Structures are given as C-alpha cells and as structure tokens.
Amino acid sequence: MTAFSYVPDEDEIRREKQKARELRQSQWWKRRCAAGICHYCGKKLPAKELTMDHIVPIAKGGKSTKGNVVPCCSDCNAKKKSSLLMDWEGPE
C-alpha cells in the first residue's frame, strides 16, 4: 500500500500563508489566544507569546482555517515543525 502524499505548489502555499496572516488579525484568533494556553503542552503564557500552528501543516496540504489552526508556545511550534500529529512525539 502506498501512502498519499500531497505537496502544494508555491502559489497555494503563498495563498495559505496570506490567509493565516489575515486570520491572526481576527477577533476569533485573539479570543483563542486570550486564554494564554498552549494547545500541545498546556503551558500558560501571555497571549502575545503564543504562535499559530497549523495542525496539518501548509507544506503538507493543510489550510489556514479555524479548524486547522491552534495557539501554541514557540517551543512546541519549533519542535513540531511541519510534522503531522501522528508523526510528532509531542512536547517533552
């Protein structure tokens, strides 16, 4: 059995990154960050220190939609990189 692998082209990546920038300015995103909790490790942080993470990364075909982005700390975001959750070992 072969695994399905989707690689978006440069234009699609650019469009999704632009959508993410717009989503970060929305009241919805600001409310999500207001709690100040990392989605992955649960660490409490000031809202301004949380970053946006795509659960399914843009590089793997993920979209910048409300159902695919979560607030997380920069440590978790850096460790996860462009991994899918099933491939990531989680925060240590």
PDB file of N, CA and C in Angstrom:
ATOM      1  N   MET A   1       0.847  -1.178   0.000  1.00  0.00           N
ATOM      2  CA  MET A   1       0.000   0.000   0.000  1.00  0.00           C
ATOM      3  C   MET A   1       0.894   1.242   0.000  1.00  0.00           C
ATOM      4  N   THR A   2       0.575   2.208  -0.822  1.00  0.00           N
ATOM      5  CA  THR A   2       1.348   3.448  -0.859  1.00  0.00           C
ATOM      6  C   THR A   2       0.626   4.532  -0.083  1.00  0.00           C
ATOM      7  N   ALA A   3       1.393   5.390   0.531  1.00  0.00           N
ATOM      8  CA  ALA A   3       0.822   6.499   1.300  1.00  0.00           C
ATOM      9  C   ALA A   3       0.533   7.664   0.365  1.00  0.00           C
ATOM     10  N   PHE A   4      -0.577   8.321   0.605  1.00  0.00           N
ATOM     11  CA  PHE A   4      -0.927   9.503  -0.169  1.00  0.00           C
ATOM     12  C   PHE A   4      -0.084  10.662   0.321  1.00  0.00           C
ATOM     13  N   SER A   5       0.553  11.351  -0.591  1.00  0.00           N
ATOM     14  CA  SER A   5       1.378  12.494  -0.218  1.00  0.00           C
ATOM     15  C   SER A   5       1.033  13.649  -1.150  1.00  0.00           C
ATOM     16  N   TYR A   6       0.529  14.719  -0.564  1.00  0.00           N
ATOM     17  CA  TYR A   6       0.164  15.894  -1.342  1.00  0.00           C
ATOM     18  C   TYR A   6       1.162  16.997  -1.056  1.00  0.00           C
ATOM     19  N   VAL A   7       1.709  17.577  -2.089  1.00  0.00           N
ATOM     20  CA  VAL A   7       2.642  18.695  -1.941  1.00  0.00           C
ATOM     21  C   VAL A   7       2.042  19.883  -2.694  1.00  0.00           C
ATOM     22  N   PRO A   8       1.652  20.921  -1.943  1.00  0.00           N
ATOM     23  CA  PRO A   8       1.066  22.098  -2.606  1.00  0.00           C
ATOM     24  C   PRO A   8       2.118  22.869  -3.398  1.00  0.00           C
ATOM     25  N   ASP A   9       1.678  23.553  -4.441  1.00  0.00           N
ATOM     26  CA  ASP A   9       2.617  24.363  -5.206  1.00  0.00           C
ATOM     27  C   ASP A   9       2.875  25.693  -4.491  1.00  0.00           C
ATOM     28  N   GLU A  10       3.842  26.443  -4.977  1.00  0.00           N
ATOM     29  CA  GLU A  10       4.251  27.697  -4.331  1.00  0.00           C
ATOM     30  C   GLU A  10       3.121  28.709  -4.226  1.00  0.00           C
ATOM     31  N   ASP A  11       2.279  28.787  -5.244  1.00  0.00           N
ATOM     32  CA  ASP A  11       1.153  29.734  -5.212  1.00  0.00           C
ATOM     33  C   ASP A  11       0.167  29.366  -4.103  1.00  0.00           C
ATOM     34  N   GLU A  12      -0.115  28.088  -3.964  1.00  0.00           N
ATOM     35  CA  GLU A  12      -1.044  27.654  -2.918  1.00  0.00           C
ATOM     36  C   GLU A  12      -0.465  27.930  -1.535  1.00  0.00           C
ATOM     37  N   ILE A  13       0.813  27.685  -1.354  1.00  0.00           N
ATOM     38  CA  ILE A  13       1.469  27.966  -0.069  1.00  0.00           C
ATOM     39  C   ILE A  13       1.394  29.457   0.236  1.00  0.00           C
ATOM     40  N   ARG A  14       1.671  30.286  -0.743  1.00  0.00           N
ATOM     41  CA  ARG A  14       1.612  31.740  -0.569  1.00  0.00           C
ATOM     42  C   ARG A  14       0.199  32.186  -0.183  1.00  0.00           C
ATOM     43  N   ARG A  15      -0.813  31.640  -0.851  1.00  0.00           N
ATOM     44  CA  ARG A  15      -2.209  31.997  -0.529  1.00  0.00           C
ATOM     45  C   ARG A  15      -2.569  31.584   0.902  1.00  0.00           C
ATOM     46  N   GLU A  16      -2.161  30.394   1.318  1.00  0.00           N
ATOM     47  CA  GLU A  16      -2.495  29.921   2.664  1.00  0.00           C
ATOM     48  C   GLU A  16      -1.763  30.731   3.736  1.00  0.00           C
ATOM     49  N   LYS A  17      -0.541  31.129   3.458  1.00  0.00           N
ATOM     50  CA  LYS A  17       0.188  31.968   4.423  1.00  0.00           C
ATOM     51  C   LYS A  17      -0.484  33.336   4.554  1.00  0.00           C
ATOM     52  N   GLN A  18      -0.990  33.868   3.446  1.00  0.00           N
ATOM     53  CA  GLN A  18      -1.705  35.140   3.492  1.00  0.00           C
ATOM     54  C   GLN A  18      -2.992  34.992   4.296  1.00  0.00           C
ATOM     55  N   LYS A  19      -3.710  33.894   4.089  1.00  0.00           N
ATOM     56  CA  LYS A  19      -4.930  33.643   4.866  1.00  0.00           C
ATOM     57  C   LYS A  19      -4.599  33.540   6.354  1.00  0.00           C
ATOM     58  N   ALA A  20      -3.469  32.923   6.700  1.00  0.00           N
ATOM     59  CA  ALA A  20      -3.056  32.803   8.106  1.00  0.00           C
ATOM     60  C   ALA A  20      -2.776  34.183   8.694  1.00  0.00           C
ATOM     61  N   ARG A  21      -2.110  35.054   7.931  1.00  0.00           N
ATOM     62  CA  ARG A  21      -1.853  36.420   8.422  1.00  0.00           C
ATOM     63  C   ARG A  21      -3.160  37.143   8.693  1.00  0.00           C
ATOM     64  N   GLU A  22      -4.130  36.978   7.803  1.00  0.00           N
ATOM     65  CA  GLU A  22      -5.438  37.618   7.993  1.00  0.00           C
ATOM     66  C   GLU A  22      -6.167  37.022   9.194  1.00  0.00           C
ATOM     67  N   LEU A  23      -6.106  35.722   9.355  1.00  0.00           N
ATOM     68  CA  LEU A  23      -6.768  35.054  10.474  1.00  0.00           C
ATOM     69  C   LEU A  23      -6.182  35.503  11.811  1.00  0.00           C
ATOM     70  N   ARG A  24      -4.865  35.744  11.860  1.00  0.00           N
ATOM     71  CA  ARG A  24      -4.222  36.210  13.097  1.00  0.00           C
ATOM     72  C   ARG A  24      -4.741  37.574  13.538  1.00  0.00           C
ATOM     73  N   GLN A  25      -5.272  38.352  12.621  1.00  0.00           N
ATOM     74  CA  GLN A  25      -5.814  39.672  12.951  1.00  0.00           C
ATOM     75  C   GLN A  25      -7.277  39.621  13.388  1.00  0.00           C
ATOM     76  N   SER A  26      -7.903  38.469  13.265  1.00  0.00           N
ATOM     77  CA  SER A  26      -9.335  38.358  13.554  1.00  0.00           C
ATOM     78  C   SER A  26      -9.621  38.310  15.056  1.00  0.00           C
ATOM     79  N   GLN A  27     -10.811  38.731  15.421  1.00  0.00           N
ATOM     80  CA  GLN A  27     -11.231  38.660  16.811  1.00  0.00           C
ATOM     81  C   GLN A  27     -11.311  37.201  17.271  1.00  0.00           C
ATOM     82  N   TRP A  28     -11.678  36.309  16.381  1.00  0.00           N
ATOM     83  CA  TRP A  28     -11.731  34.888  16.725  1.00  0.00           C
ATOM     84  C   TRP A  28     -10.368  34.409  17.227  1.00  0.00           C
ATOM     85  N   TRP A  29      -9.311  34.737  16.484  1.00  0.00           N
ATOM     86  CA  TRP A  29      -7.970  34.301  16.873  1.00  0.00           C
ATOM     87  C   TRP A  29      -7.536  34.974  18.177  1.00  0.00           C
ATOM     88  N   LYS A  30      -7.824  36.249  18.312  1.00  0.00           N
ATOM     89  CA  LYS A  30      -7.451  36.969  19.530  1.00  0.00           C
ATOM     90  C   LYS A  30      -8.136  36.365  20.750  1.00  0.00           C
ATOM     91  N   ARG A  31      -9.381  35.944  20.600  1.00  0.00           N
ATOM     92  CA  ARG A  31     -10.076  35.267  21.703  1.00  0.00           C
ATOM     93  C   ARG A  31      -9.446  33.913  22.002  1.00  0.00           C
ATOM     94  N   ARG A  32      -9.049  33.193  20.962  1.00  0.00           N
ATOM     95  CA  ARG A  32      -8.389  31.885  21.165  1.00  0.00           C
ATOM     96  C   ARG A  32      -7.101  32.044  21.959  1.00  0.00           C
ATOM     97  N   CYS A  33      -6.365  33.107  21.710  1.00  0.00           N
ATOM     98  CA  CYS A  33      -5.092  33.343  22.390  1.00  0.00           C
ATOM     99  C   CYS A  33      -5.279  33.958  23.770  1.00  0.00           C
ATOM    100  N   ALA A  34      -6.405  34.589  24.010  1.00  0.00           N
ATOM    101  CA  ALA A  34      -6.623  35.298  25.267  1.00  0.00           C
ATOM    102  C   ALA A  34      -6.487  34.381  26.482  1.00  0.00           C
ATOM    103  N   ALA A  35      -6.842  33.119  26.337  1.00  0.00           N
ATOM    104  CA  ALA A  35      -6.712  32.170  27.449  1.00  0.00           C
ATOM    105  C   ALA A  35      -5.243  31.942  27.804  1.00  0.00           C
ATOM    106  N   GLY A  36      -4.349  32.129  26.823  1.00  0.00           N
ATOM    107  CA  GLY A  36      -2.916  32.018  27.067  1.00  0.00           C
ATOM    108  C   GLY A  36      -2.428  30.605  27.321  1.00  0.00           C
ATOM    109  N   ILE A  37      -3.068  29.612  26.708  1.00  0.00           N
ATOM    110  CA  ILE A  37      -2.680  28.217  26.943  1.00  0.00           C
ATOM    111  C   ILE A  37      -2.234  27.564  25.641  1.00  0.00           C
ATOM    112  N   CYS A  38      -1.057  26.927  25.688  1.00  0.00           N
ATOM    113  CA  CYS A  38      -0.542  26.194  24.529  1.00  0.00           C
ATOM    114  C   CYS A  38      -1.418  24.965  24.299  1.00  0.00           C
ATOM    115  N   HIS A  39      -1.840  24.783  23.076  1.00  0.00           N
ATOM    116  CA  HIS A  39      -2.694  23.649  22.703  1.00  0.00           C
ATOM    117  C   HIS A  39      -2.004  22.309  22.956  1.00  0.00           C
ATOM    118  N   TYR A  40      -0.695  22.257  22.807  1.00  0.00           N
ATOM    119  CA  TYR A  40       0.028  20.993  22.899  1.00  0.00           C
ATOM    120  C   TYR A  40       0.530  20.657  24.299  1.00  0.00           C
ATOM    121  N   CYS A  41       1.205  21.584  24.962  1.00  0.00           N
ATOM    122  CA  CYS A  41       1.801  21.273  26.270  1.00  0.00           C
ATOM    123  C   CYS A  41       0.990  21.801  27.449  1.00  0.00           C
ATOM    124  N   GLY A  42       0.032  22.689  27.174  1.00  0.00           N
ATOM    125  CA  GLY A  42      -0.812  23.221  28.230  1.00  0.00           C
ATOM    126  C   GLY A  42      -0.179  24.322  29.059  1.00  0.00           C
ATOM    127  N   LYS A  43       1.032  24.747  28.668  1.00  0.00           N
ATOM    128  CA  LYS A  43       1.722  25.806  29.401  1.00  0.00           C
ATOM    129  C   LYS A  43       0.949  27.112  29.303  1.00  0.00           C
ATOM    130  N   LYS A  44       0.872  27.858  30.417  1.00  0.00           N
ATOM    131  CA  LYS A  44       0.190  29.147  30.466  1.00  0.00           C
ATOM    132  C   LYS A  44       1.197  30.237  30.114  1.00  0.00           C
ATOM    133  N   LEU A  45       0.849  31.065  29.142  1.00  0.00           N
ATOM    134  CA  LEU A  45       1.727  32.129  28.660  1.00  0.00           C
ATOM    135  C   LEU A  45       0.903  33.387  28.385  1.00  0.00           C
ATOM    136  N   PRO A  46       1.563  34.543  28.333  1.00  0.00           N
ATOM    137  CA  PRO A  46       0.854  35.744  27.864  1.00  0.00           C
ATOM    138  C   PRO A  46       0.389  35.510  26.420  1.00  0.00           C
ATOM    139  N   ALA A  47      -0.777  36.007  26.084  1.00  0.00           N
ATOM    140  CA  ALA A  47      -1.352  35.787  24.749  1.00  0.00           C
ATOM    141  C   ALA A  47      -0.396  36.184  23.627  1.00  0.00           C
ATOM    142  N   LYS A  48       0.370  37.246  23.831  1.00  0.00           N
ATOM    143  CA  LYS A  48       1.281  37.719  22.774  1.00  0.00           C
ATOM    144  C   LYS A  48       2.433  36.757  22.510  1.00  0.00           C
ATOM    145  N   GLU A  49       2.678  35.816  23.432  1.00  0.00           N
ATOM    146  CA  GLU A  49       3.768  34.855  23.250  1.00  0.00           C
ATOM    147  C   GLU A  49       3.319  33.579  22.549  1.00  0.00           C
ATOM    148  N   LEU A  50       2.022  33.455  22.285  1.00  0.00           N
ATOM    149  CA  LEU A  50       1.536  32.274  21.578  1.00  0.00           C
ATOM    150  C   LEU A  50       1.674  32.470  20.075  1.00  0.00           C
ATOM    151  N   THR A  51       1.972  31.386  19.390  1.00  0.00           N
ATOM    152  CA  THR A  51       2.101  31.410  17.936  1.00  0.00           C
ATOM    153  C   THR A  51       0.965  30.597  17.328  1.00  0.00           C
ATOM    154  N   MET A  52       0.770  30.744  16.043  1.00  0.00           N
ATOM    155  CA  MET A  52      -0.245  29.972  15.333  1.00  0.00           C
ATOM    156  C   MET A  52       0.409  28.731  14.746  1.00  0.00           C
ATOM    157  N   ASP A  53      -0.181  27.586  15.033  1.00  0.00           N
ATOM    158  CA  ASP A  53       0.310  26.351  14.437  1.00  0.00           C
ATOM    159  C   ASP A  53      -0.798  25.717  13.608  1.00  0.00           C
ATOM    160  N   HIS A  54      -0.429  25.255  12.435  1.00  0.00           N
ATOM    161  CA  HIS A  54      -1.356  24.516  11.585  1.00  0.00           C
ATOM    162  C   HIS A  54      -1.262  23.052  11.995  1.00  0.00           C
ATOM    163  N   ILE A  55      -2.366  22.457  12.416  1.00  0.00           N
ATOM    164  CA  ILE A  55      -2.363  21.050  12.822  1.00  0.00           C
ATOM    165  C   ILE A  55      -1.886  20.198  11.646  1.00  0.00           C
ATOM    166  N   VAL A  56      -2.491  20.389  10.485  1.00  0.00           N
ATOM    167  CA  VAL A  56      -1.964  19.808   9.245  1.00  0.00           C
ATOM    168  C   VAL A  56      -1.197  20.945   8.592  1.00  0.00           C
ATOM    169  N   PRO A  57       0.134  20.850   8.548  1.00  0.00           N
ATOM    170  CA  PRO A  57       0.954  21.947   8.028  1.00  0.00           C
ATOM    171  C   PRO A  57       0.624  22.322   6.580  1.00  0.00           C
ATOM    172  N   ILE A  58       0.797  23.594   6.280  1.00  0.00           N
ATOM    173  CA  ILE A  58       0.586  24.079   4.918  1.00  0.00           C
ATOM    174  C   ILE A  58       1.444  23.287   3.934  1.00  0.00           C
ATOM    175  N   ALA A  59       2.661  22.980   4.319  1.00  0.00           N
ATOM    176  CA  ALA A  59       3.581  22.249   3.440  1.00  0.00           C
ATOM    177  C   ALA A  59       3.076  20.845   3.107  1.00  0.00           C
ATOM    178  N   LYS A  60       2.119  20.359   3.900  1.00  0.00           N
ATOM    179  CA  LYS A  60       1.561  19.028   3.642  1.00  0.00           C
ATOM    180  C   LYS A  60       0.112  19.114   3.190  1.00  0.00           C
ATOM    181  N   GLY A  61      -0.290  20.294   2.720  1.00  0.00           N
ATOM    182  CA  GLY A  61      -1.622  20.457   2.167  1.00  0.00           C
ATOM    183  C   GLY A  61      -2.648  21.014   3.135  1.00  0.00           C
ATOM    184  N   GLY A  62      -2.242  21.370   4.352  1.00  0.00           N
ATOM    185  CA  GLY A  62      -3.161  21.946   5.325  1.00  0.00           C
ATOM    186  C   GLY A  62      -3.609  23.337   4.918  1.00  0.00           C
ATOM    187  N   LYS A  63      -4.758  23.730   5.420  1.00  0.00           N
ATOM    188  CA  LYS A  63      -5.333  25.032   5.089  1.00  0.00           C
ATOM    189  C   LYS A  63      -5.315  25.950   6.301  1.00  0.00           C
ATOM    190  N   SER A  64      -5.389  27.232   6.050  1.00  0.00           N
ATOM    191  CA  SER A  64      -5.460  28.240   7.115  1.00  0.00           C
ATOM    192  C   SER A  64      -6.926  28.492   7.433  1.00  0.00           C
ATOM    193  N   THR A  65      -7.529  27.525   8.121  1.00  0.00           N
ATOM    194  CA  THR A  65      -8.930  27.605   8.509  1.00  0.00           C
ATOM    195  C   THR A  65      -9.036  27.475  10.017  1.00  0.00           C
ATOM    196  N   LYS A  66     -10.163  27.898  10.559  1.00  0.00           N
ATOM    197  CA  LYS A  66     -10.371  27.843  12.000  1.00  0.00           C
ATOM    198  C   LYS A  66     -10.230  26.428  12.553  1.00  0.00           C
ATOM    199  N   GLY A  67     -10.576  25.439  11.795  1.00  0.00           N
ATOM    200  CA  GLY A  67     -10.468  24.058  12.263  1.00  0.00           C
ATOM    201  C   GLY A  67      -9.077  23.467  12.183  1.00  0.00           C
ATOM    202  N   ASN A  68      -8.139  24.189  11.586  1.00  0.00           N
ATOM    203  CA  ASN A  68      -6.798  23.637  11.393  1.00  0.00           C
ATOM    204  C   ASN A  68      -5.702  24.437  12.077  1.00  0.00           C
ATOM    205  N   VAL A  69      -6.043  25.495  12.808  1.00  0.00           N
ATOM    206  CA  VAL A  69      -5.007  26.274  13.490  1.00  0.00           C
ATOM    207  C   VAL A  69      -5.289  26.318  14.986  1.00  0.00           C
ATOM    208  N   VAL A  70      -4.201  26.270  15.757  1.00  0.00           N
ATOM    209  CA  VAL A  70      -4.297  26.316  17.217  1.00  0.00           C
ATOM    210  C   VAL A  70      -3.204  27.220  17.756  1.00  0.00           C
ATOM    211  N   PRO A  71      -3.460  27.849  18.917  1.00  0.00           N
ATOM    212  CA  PRO A  71      -2.395  28.624  19.559  1.00  0.00           C
ATOM    213  C   PRO A  71      -1.437  27.673  20.270  1.00  0.00           C
ATOM    214  N   CYS A  72      -0.157  27.940  20.141  1.00  0.00           N
ATOM    215  CA  CYS A  72       0.822  27.115  20.843  1.00  0.00           C
ATOM    216  C   CYS A  72       2.052  27.948  21.179  1.00  0.00           C
ATOM    217  N   CYS A  73       2.831  27.439  22.125  1.00  0.00           N
ATOM    218  CA  CYS A  73       4.049  28.143  22.521  1.00  0.00           C
ATOM    219  C   CYS A  73       5.102  27.966  21.429  1.00  0.00           C
ATOM    220  N   SER A  74       6.074  28.838  21.419  1.00  0.00           N
ATOM    221  CA  SER A  74       7.093  28.769  20.366  1.00  0.00           C
ATOM    222  C   SER A  74       7.928  27.501  20.482  1.00  0.00           C
ATOM    223  N   ASP A  75       8.107  26.972  21.708  1.00  0.00           N
ATOM    224  CA  ASP A  75       8.864  25.723  21.861  1.00  0.00           C
ATOM    225  C   ASP A  75       8.166  24.563  21.149  1.00  0.00           C
ATOM    226  N   CYS A  76       6.862  24.410  21.401  1.00  0.00           N
ATOM    227  CA  CYS A  76       6.112  23.328  20.740  1.00  0.00           C
ATOM    228  C   CYS A  76       6.070  23.535  19.233  1.00  0.00           C
ATOM    229  N   ASN A  77       5.886  24.779  18.793  1.00  0.00           N
ATOM    230  CA  ASN A  77       5.828  25.056  17.367  1.00  0.00           C
ATOM    231  C   ASN A  77       7.161  24.699  16.704  1.00  0.00           C
ATOM    232  N   ALA A  78       8.260  25.028  17.355  1.00  0.00           N
ATOM    233  CA  ALA A  78       9.583  24.723  16.796  1.00  0.00           C
ATOM    234  C   ALA A  78       9.844  23.219  16.769  1.00  0.00           C
ATOM    235  N   LYS A  79       9.381  22.509  17.786  1.00  0.00           N
ATOM    236  CA  LYS A  79       9.598  21.057  17.829  1.00  0.00           C
ATOM    237  C   LYS A  79       8.728  20.328  16.819  1.00  0.00           C
ATOM    238  N   LYS A  80       7.487  20.794  16.647  1.00  0.00           N
ATOM    239  CA  LYS A  80       6.576  20.134  15.723  1.00  0.00           C
ATOM    240  C   LYS A  80       6.977  20.383  14.271  1.00  0.00           C
ATOM    241  N   LYS A  81       7.490  21.559  13.991  1.00  0.00           N
ATOM    242  CA  LYS A  81       7.882  21.958  12.635  1.00  0.00           C
ATOM    243  C   LYS A  81       6.745  21.683  11.663  1.00  0.00           C
ATOM    244  N   SER A  82       6.998  20.913  10.623  1.00  0.00           N
ATOM    245  CA  SER A  82       5.939  20.617   9.647  1.00  0.00           C
ATOM    246  C   SER A  82       5.496  19.161   9.758  1.00  0.00           C
ATOM    247  N   SER A  83       5.546  18.628  10.985  1.00  0.00           N
ATOM    248  CA  SER A  83       5.115  17.252  11.205  1.00  0.00           C
ATOM    249  C   SER A  83       3.600  17.173  11.340  1.00  0.00           C
ATOM    250  N   LEU A  84       3.068  16.030  10.972  1.00  0.00           N
ATOM    251  CA  LEU A  84       1.676  15.730  11.280  1.00  0.00           C
ATOM    252  C   LEU A  84       1.647  15.237  12.721  1.00  0.00           C
ATOM    253  N   LEU A  85       0.528  15.366  13.397  1.00  0.00           N
ATOM    254  CA  LEU A  85       0.451  14.955  14.797  1.00  0.00           C
ATOM    255  C   LEU A  85       0.819  13.493  14.989  1.00  0.00           C
ATOM    256  N   MET A  86       0.448  12.638  14.055  1.00  0.00           N
ATOM    257  CA  MET A  86       0.766  11.215  14.195  1.00  0.00           C
ATOM    258  C   MET A  86       2.261  10.942  14.075  1.00  0.00           C
ATOM    259  N   ASP A  87       3.014  11.873  13.514  1.00  0.00           N
ATOM    260  CA  ASP A  87       4.463  11.705  13.355  1.00  0.00           C
ATOM    261  C   ASP A  87       5.257  12.431  14.426  1.00  0.00           C
ATOM    262  N   TRP A  88       4.584  13.261  15.207  1.00  0.00           N
ATOM    263  CA  TRP A  88       5.259  14.097  16.214  1.00  0.00           C
ATOM    264  C   TRP A  88       5.164  13.420  17.565  1.00  0.00           C
ATOM    265  N   GLU A  89       6.239  13.463  18.317  1.00  0.00           N
ATOM    266  CA  GLU A  89       6.253  12.808  19.624  1.00  0.00           C
ATOM    267  C   GLU A  89       5.682  13.709  20.723  1.00  0.00           C
ATOM    268  N   GLY A  90       5.358  14.927  20.416  1.00  0.00           N
ATOM    269  CA  GLY A  90       4.761  15.820  21.395  1.00  0.00           C
ATOM    270  C   GLY A  90       5.781  16.544  22.242  1.00  0.00           C
ATOM    271  N   PRO A  91       5.285  17.425  23.118  1.00  0.00           N
ATOM    272  CA  PRO A  91       6.203  18.204  23.959  1.00  0.00           C
ATOM    273  C   PRO A  91       6.913  17.294  24.955  1.00  0.00           C
ATOM    274  N   GLU A  92       8.120  17.643  25.270  1.00  0.00           N
ATOM    275  CA  GLU A  92       8.892  16.839  26.221  1.00  0.00           C
ATOM    276  C   GLU A  92       9.027  17.566  27.526  1.00  0.00           C
TER     277      GLU A  92
END
